[in-house]
Each structure stands twice: as structure tokens, then as C-alpha cells.
Amino acid sequence: MSDAMDKAKGRLKEIAGKITGHERLEAEGKTDQTKAKLRQKATSMRHRAEGIVDSLKRDHRS
């Protein structure tokens, strides 16, 4: 599942937990959102690192 979908699913769980007073569901939703955000950050960092490596390879060839 995509990070955006996981984030939305987590938000829905959090809201449902708040509405129903189900603290565990609310906490689970917050956890799902945090996991999705961390995966997004890790993916972004990986892409940046790959870009830097590619840039260095191009500079080295010149």
C-alpha cells in the first residue's frame, strides 16, 4: 500500500477512535500515520542520495 494510503487509513482510524472513545484504535491510527511519514522521509532521503551519487558519477567522468 502507498504511504499516502497508509497515512489516510491511519487518520481514519484515529478519528474513529476519537469518536467512539476507543483509545487503542486512536493510538493505532497515530502509529500508522507516523510509520507512513517515516517511510516517506526515508524514500525521499534515498532518492536524494541516489541523485548525489549520480551527480558525482557525472562529474567524475568529465
PDB file of N, CA and C in Angstrom:
ATOM      1  N   MET A   1       0.850  -1.178   0.000  1.00  0.00           N
ATOM      2  CA  MET A   1       0.000   0.000   0.000  1.00  0.00           C
ATOM      3  C   MET A   1       0.898   1.245   0.000  1.00  0.00           C
ATOM      4  N   SER A   2       0.464   2.299  -0.629  1.00  0.00           N
ATOM      5  CA  SER A   2       1.272   3.505  -0.711  1.00  0.00           C
ATOM      6  C   SER A   2       1.303   4.227   0.639  1.00  0.00           C
ATOM      7  N   ASP A   3       2.303   5.036   0.801  1.00  0.00           N
ATOM      8  CA  ASP A   3       2.432   5.798   2.045  1.00  0.00           C
ATOM      9  C   ASP A   3       1.243   6.728   2.254  1.00  0.00           C
ATOM     10  N   ALA A   4       0.772   7.331   1.177  1.00  0.00           N
ATOM     11  CA  ALA A   4      -0.376   8.242   1.290  1.00  0.00           C
ATOM     12  C   ALA A   4      -1.629   7.494   1.741  1.00  0.00           C
ATOM     13  N   MET A   5      -1.807   6.282   1.230  1.00  0.00           N
ATOM     14  CA  MET A   5      -2.956   5.476   1.632  1.00  0.00           C
ATOM     15  C   MET A   5      -2.842   5.068   3.099  1.00  0.00           C
ATOM     16  N   ASP A   6      -1.632   4.671   3.511  1.00  0.00           N
ATOM     17  CA  ASP A   6      -1.422   4.297   4.912  1.00  0.00           C
ATOM     18  C   ASP A   6      -1.668   5.480   5.832  1.00  0.00           C
ATOM     19  N   LYS A   7      -1.229   6.652   5.391  1.00  0.00           N
ATOM     20  CA  LYS A   7      -1.426   7.861   6.181  1.00  0.00           C
ATOM     21  C   LYS A   7      -2.914   8.179   6.325  1.00  0.00           C
ATOM     22  N   ALA A   8      -3.652   8.058   5.223  1.00  0.00           N
ATOM     23  CA  ALA A   8      -5.097   8.315   5.251  1.00  0.00           C
ATOM     24  C   ALA A   8      -5.815   7.280   6.109  1.00  0.00           C
ATOM     25  N   LYS A   9      -5.406   6.019   5.983  1.00  0.00           N
ATOM     26  CA  LYS A   9      -6.005   4.955   6.783  1.00  0.00           C
ATOM     27  C   LYS A   9      -5.766   5.214   8.269  1.00  0.00           C
ATOM     28  N   GLY A  10      -4.567   5.642   8.589  1.00  0.00           N
ATOM     29  CA  GLY A  10      -4.243   5.959   9.979  1.00  0.00           C
ATOM     30  C   GLY A  10      -5.068   7.115  10.504  1.00  0.00           C
ATOM     31  N   ARG A  11      -5.259   8.102   9.667  1.00  0.00           N
ATOM     32  CA  ARG A  11      -6.071   9.264  10.072  1.00  0.00           C
ATOM     33  C   ARG A  11      -7.515   8.844  10.338  1.00  0.00           C
ATOM     34  N   LEU A  12      -8.046   7.981   9.474  1.00  0.00           N
ATOM     35  CA  LEU A  12      -9.412   7.492   9.669  1.00  0.00           C
ATOM     36  C   LEU A  12      -9.529   6.684  10.960  1.00  0.00           C
ATOM     37  N   LYS A  13      -8.534   5.856  11.235  1.00  0.00           N
ATOM     38  CA  LYS A  13      -8.537   5.080  12.479  1.00  0.00           C
ATOM     39  C   LYS A  13      -8.509   6.010  13.686  1.00  0.00           C
ATOM     40  N   GLU A  14      -7.658   7.028  13.599  1.00  0.00           N
ATOM     41  CA  GLU A  14      -7.547   7.982  14.705  1.00  0.00           C
ATOM     42  C   GLU A  14      -8.886   8.674  14.957  1.00  0.00           C
ATOM     43  N   ILE A  15      -9.516   9.138  13.899  1.00  0.00           N
ATOM     44  CA  ILE A  15     -10.808   9.825  14.019  1.00  0.00           C
ATOM     45  C   ILE A  15     -11.867   8.881  14.578  1.00  0.00           C
ATOM     46  N   ALA A  16     -11.902   7.660  14.042  1.00  0.00           N
ATOM     47  CA  ALA A  16     -12.895   6.683  14.526  1.00  0.00           C
ATOM     48  C   ALA A  16     -12.669   6.396  16.004  1.00  0.00           C
ATOM     49  N   GLY A  17     -11.410   6.299  16.406  1.00  0.00           N
ATOM     50  CA  GLY A  17     -11.094   6.061  17.803  1.00  0.00           C
ATOM     51  C   GLY A  17     -11.541   7.200  18.698  1.00  0.00           C
ATOM     52  N   LYS A  18     -11.338   8.425  18.223  1.00  0.00           N
ATOM     53  CA  LYS A  18     -11.770   9.596  18.996  1.00  0.00           C
ATOM     54  C   LYS A  18     -13.283   9.630  19.139  1.00  0.00           C
ATOM     55  N   ILE A  19     -13.982   9.367  18.032  1.00  0.00           N
ATOM     56  CA  ILE A  19     -15.447   9.423  18.042  1.00  0.00           C
ATOM     57  C   ILE A  19     -16.038   8.369  18.965  1.00  0.00           C
ATOM     58  N   THR A  20     -15.471   7.170  18.902  1.00  0.00           N
ATOM     59  CA  THR A  20     -16.024   6.056  19.683  1.00  0.00           C
ATOM     60  C   THR A  20     -15.439   5.951  21.087  1.00  0.00           C
ATOM     61  N   GLY A  21     -14.405   6.728  21.351  1.00  0.00           N
ATOM     62  CA  GLY A  21     -13.754   6.647  22.655  1.00  0.00           C
ATOM     63  C   GLY A  21     -12.851   5.429  22.785  1.00  0.00           C
ATOM     64  N   HIS A  22     -12.501   4.828  21.678  1.00  0.00           N
ATOM     65  CA  HIS A  22     -11.657   3.631  21.638  1.00  0.00           C
ATOM     66  C   HIS A  22     -10.197   4.087  21.567  1.00  0.00           C
ATOM     67  N   GLU A  23      -9.546   4.175  22.715  1.00  0.00           N
ATOM     68  CA  GLU A  23      -8.194   4.730  22.794  1.00  0.00           C
ATOM     69  C   GLU A  23      -7.177   3.910  22.003  1.00  0.00           C
ATOM     70  N   ARG A  24      -7.348   2.596  22.008  1.00  0.00           N
ATOM     71  CA  ARG A  24      -6.395   1.749  21.288  1.00  0.00           C
ATOM     72  C   ARG A  24      -6.463   2.009  19.779  1.00  0.00           C
ATOM     73  N   LEU A  25      -7.659   2.139  19.235  1.00  0.00           N
ATOM     74  CA  LEU A  25      -7.830   2.423  17.814  1.00  0.00           C
ATOM     75  C   LEU A  25      -7.241   3.785  17.464  1.00  0.00           C
ATOM     76  N   GLU A  26      -7.462   4.752  18.329  1.00  0.00           N
ATOM     77  CA  GLU A  26      -6.906   6.092  18.115  1.00  0.00           C
ATOM     78  C   GLU A  26      -5.379   6.035  18.100  1.00  0.00           C
ATOM     79  N   ALA A  27      -4.806   5.321  19.061  1.00  0.00           N
ATOM     80  CA  ALA A  27      -3.345   5.197  19.124  1.00  0.00           C
ATOM     81  C   ALA A  27      -2.805   4.447  17.913  1.00  0.00           C
ATOM     82  N   GLU A  28      -3.519   3.425  17.483  1.00  0.00           N
ATOM     83  CA  GLU A  28      -3.111   2.659  16.313  1.00  0.00           C
ATOM     84  C   GLU A  28      -3.100   3.559  15.073  1.00  0.00           C
ATOM     85  N   GLY A  29      -4.091   4.415  14.960  1.00  0.00           N
ATOM     86  CA  GLY A  29      -4.149   5.345  13.844  1.00  0.00           C
ATOM     87  C   GLY A  29      -2.977   6.309  13.838  1.00  0.00           C
ATOM     88  N   LYS A  30      -2.639   6.820  15.007  1.00  0.00           N
ATOM     89  CA  LYS A  30      -1.495   7.729  15.107  1.00  0.00           C
ATOM     90  C   LYS A  30      -0.205   7.011  14.726  1.00  0.00           C
ATOM     91  N   THR A  31      -0.085   5.760  15.169  1.00  0.00           N
ATOM     92  CA  THR A  31       1.099   4.966  14.847  1.00  0.00           C
ATOM     93  C   THR A  31       1.195   4.723  13.342  1.00  0.00           C
ATOM     94  N   ASP A  32       0.077   4.379  12.720  1.00  0.00           N
ATOM     95  CA  ASP A  32       0.067   4.166  11.263  1.00  0.00           C
ATOM     96  C   ASP A  32       0.506   5.422  10.524  1.00  0.00           C
ATOM     97  N   GLN A  33       0.038   6.570  10.971  1.00  0.00           N
ATOM     98  CA  GLN A  33       0.407   7.827  10.327  1.00  0.00           C
ATOM     99  C   GLN A  33       1.902   8.105  10.475  1.00  0.00           C
ATOM    100  N   THR A  34       2.426   7.857  11.658  1.00  0.00           N
ATOM    101  CA  THR A  34       3.849   8.086  11.917  1.00  0.00           C
ATOM    102  C   THR A  34       4.709   7.168  11.058  1.00  0.00           C
ATOM    103  N   LYS A  35       4.313   5.897  10.955  1.00  0.00           N
ATOM    104  CA  LYS A  35       5.054   4.954  10.115  1.00  0.00           C
ATOM    105  C   LYS A  35       5.070   5.422   8.665  1.00  0.00           C
ATOM    106  N   ALA A  36       3.924   5.864   8.174  1.00  0.00           N
ATOM    107  CA  ALA A  36       3.837   6.331   6.785  1.00  0.00           C
ATOM    108  C   ALA A  36       4.728   7.553   6.561  1.00  0.00           C
ATOM    109  N   LYS A  37       4.722   8.474   7.515  1.00  0.00           N
ATOM    110  CA  LYS A  37       5.571   9.670   7.394  1.00  0.00           C
ATOM    111  C   LYS A  37       7.042   9.290   7.375  1.00  0.00           C
ATOM    112  N   LEU A  38       7.432   8.348   8.230  1.00  0.00           N
ATOM    113  CA  LEU A  38       8.831   7.918   8.272  1.00  0.00           C
ATOM    114  C   LEU A  38       9.243   7.241   6.973  1.00  0.00           C
ATOM    115  N   ARG A  39       8.351   6.415   6.414  1.00  0.00           N
ATOM    116  CA  ARG A  39       8.656   5.772   5.131  1.00  0.00           C
ATOM    117  C   ARG A  39       8.797   6.814   4.029  1.00  0.00           C
ATOM    118  N   GLN A  40       7.949   7.849   4.052  1.00  0.00           N
ATOM    119  CA  GLN A  40       8.045   8.916   3.055  1.00  0.00           C
ATOM    120  C   GLN A  40       9.387   9.630   3.172  1.00  0.00           C
ATOM    121  N   LYS A  41       9.794   9.926   4.399  1.00  0.00           N
ATOM    122  CA  LYS A  41      11.079  10.607   4.613  1.00  0.00           C
ATOM    123  C   LYS A  41      12.237   9.734   4.160  1.00  0.00           C
ATOM    124  N   ALA A  42      12.183   8.435   4.489  1.00  0.00           N
ATOM    125  CA  ALA A  42      13.258   7.521   4.097  1.00  0.00           C
ATOM    126  C   ALA A  42      13.355   7.421   2.579  1.00  0.00           C
ATOM    127  N   THR A  43      12.226   7.349   1.916  1.00  0.00           N
ATOM    128  CA  THR A  43      12.215   7.281   0.454  1.00  0.00           C
ATOM    129  C   THR A  43      12.793   8.557  -0.148  1.00  0.00           C
ATOM    130  N   SER A  44      12.411   9.699   0.418  1.00  0.00           N
ATOM    131  CA  SER A  44      12.923  10.979  -0.062  1.00  0.00           C
ATOM    132  C   SER A  44      14.444  11.056   0.117  1.00  0.00           C
ATOM    133  N   MET A  45      14.914  10.625   1.265  1.00  0.00           N
ATOM    134  CA  MET A  45      16.360  10.651   1.522  1.00  0.00           C
ATOM    135  C   MET A  45      17.101   9.708   0.573  1.00  0.00           C
ATOM    136  N   ARG A  46      16.521   8.553   0.305  1.00  0.00           N
ATOM    137  CA  ARG A  46      17.148   7.591  -0.610  1.00  0.00           C
ATOM    138  C   ARG A  46      17.241   8.192  -2.010  1.00  0.00           C
ATOM    139  N   HIS A  47      16.172   8.851  -2.457  1.00  0.00           N
ATOM    140  CA  HIS A  47      16.184   9.469  -3.787  1.00  0.00           C
ATOM    141  C   HIS A  47      17.219  10.590  -3.864  1.00  0.00           C
ATOM    142  N   ARG A  48      17.319  11.361  -2.804  1.00  0.00           N
ATOM    143  CA  ARG A  48      18.329  12.430  -2.785  1.00  0.00           C
ATOM    144  C   ARG A  48      19.734  11.852  -2.852  1.00  0.00           C
ATOM    145  N   ALA A  49      19.967  10.790  -2.079  1.00  0.00           N
ATOM    146  CA  ALA A  49      21.283  10.151  -2.077  1.00  0.00           C
ATOM    147  C   ALA A  49      21.613   9.594  -3.457  1.00  0.00           C
ATOM    148  N   GLU A  50      20.629   8.974  -4.100  1.00  0.00           N
ATOM    149  CA  GLU A  50      20.847   8.452  -5.448  1.00  0.00           C
ATOM    150  C   GLU A  50      21.171   9.580  -6.415  1.00  0.00           C
ATOM    151  N   GLY A  51      20.518  10.719  -6.253  1.00  0.00           N
ATOM    152  CA  GLY A  51      20.806  11.867  -7.101  1.00  0.00           C
ATOM    153  C   GLY A  51      22.206  12.395  -6.896  1.00  0.00           C
ATOM    154  N   ILE A  52      22.644  12.420  -5.656  1.00  0.00           N
ATOM    155  CA  ILE A  52      24.006  12.876  -5.361  1.00  0.00           C
ATOM    156  C   ILE A  52      25.018  11.928  -5.976  1.00  0.00           C
ATOM    157  N   VAL A  53      24.790  10.624  -5.823  1.00  0.00           N
ATOM    158  CA  VAL A  53      25.706   9.633  -6.394  1.00  0.00           C
ATOM    159  C   VAL A  53      25.763   9.787  -7.907  1.00  0.00           C
ATOM    160  N   ASP A  54      24.613   9.935  -8.545  1.00  0.00           N
ATOM    161  CA  ASP A  54      24.590  10.127  -9.996  1.00  0.00           C
ATOM    162  C   ASP A  54      25.338  11.394 -10.398  1.00  0.00           C
ATOM    163  N   SER A  55      25.151  12.448  -9.640  1.00  0.00           N
ATOM    164  CA  SER A  55      25.829  13.708  -9.930  1.00  0.00           C
ATOM    165  C   SER A  55      27.346  13.553  -9.803  1.00  0.00           C
ATOM    166  N   LEU A  56      27.771  12.862  -8.778  1.00  0.00           N
ATOM    167  CA  LEU A  56      29.208  12.646  -8.586  1.00  0.00           C
ATOM    168  C   LEU A  56      29.785  11.791  -9.701  1.00  0.00           C
ATOM    169  N   LYS A  57      29.019  10.806 -10.145  1.00  0.00           N
ATOM    170  CA  LYS A  57      29.489   9.962 -11.248  1.00  0.00           C
ATOM    171  C   LYS A  57      29.658  10.786 -12.524  1.00  0.00           C
ATOM    172  N   ARG A  58      28.702  11.669 -12.779  1.00  0.00           N
ATOM    173  CA  ARG A  58      28.789  12.531 -13.970  1.00  0.00           C
ATOM    174  C   ARG A  58      29.989  13.463 -13.874  1.00  0.00           C
ATOM    175  N   ASP A  59      30.205  14.037 -12.687  1.00  0.00           N
ATOM    176  CA  ASP A  59      31.327  14.960 -12.507  1.00  0.00           C
ATOM    177  C   ASP A  59      32.659  14.225 -12.656  1.00  0.00           C
ATOM    178  N   HIS A  60      32.701  12.993 -12.219  1.00  0.00           N
ATOM    179  CA  HIS A  60      33.938  12.213 -12.278  1.00  0.00           C
ATOM    180  C   HIS A  60      34.305  11.862 -13.729  1.00  0.00           C
ATOM    181  N   ARG A  61      33.314  11.673 -14.571  1.00  0.00           N
ATOM    182  CA  ARG A  61      33.548  11.332 -15.975  1.00  0.00           C
ATOM    183  C   ARG A  61      34.069  12.518 -16.764  1.00  0.00           C
ATOM    184  N   SER A  62      33.753  13.723 -16.334  1.00  0.00           N
ATOM    185  CA  SER A  62      34.142  14.924 -17.098  1.00  0.00           C
ATOM    186  C   SER A  62      35.593  15.231 -17.011  1.00  0.00           C
TER     187      SER A  62
END
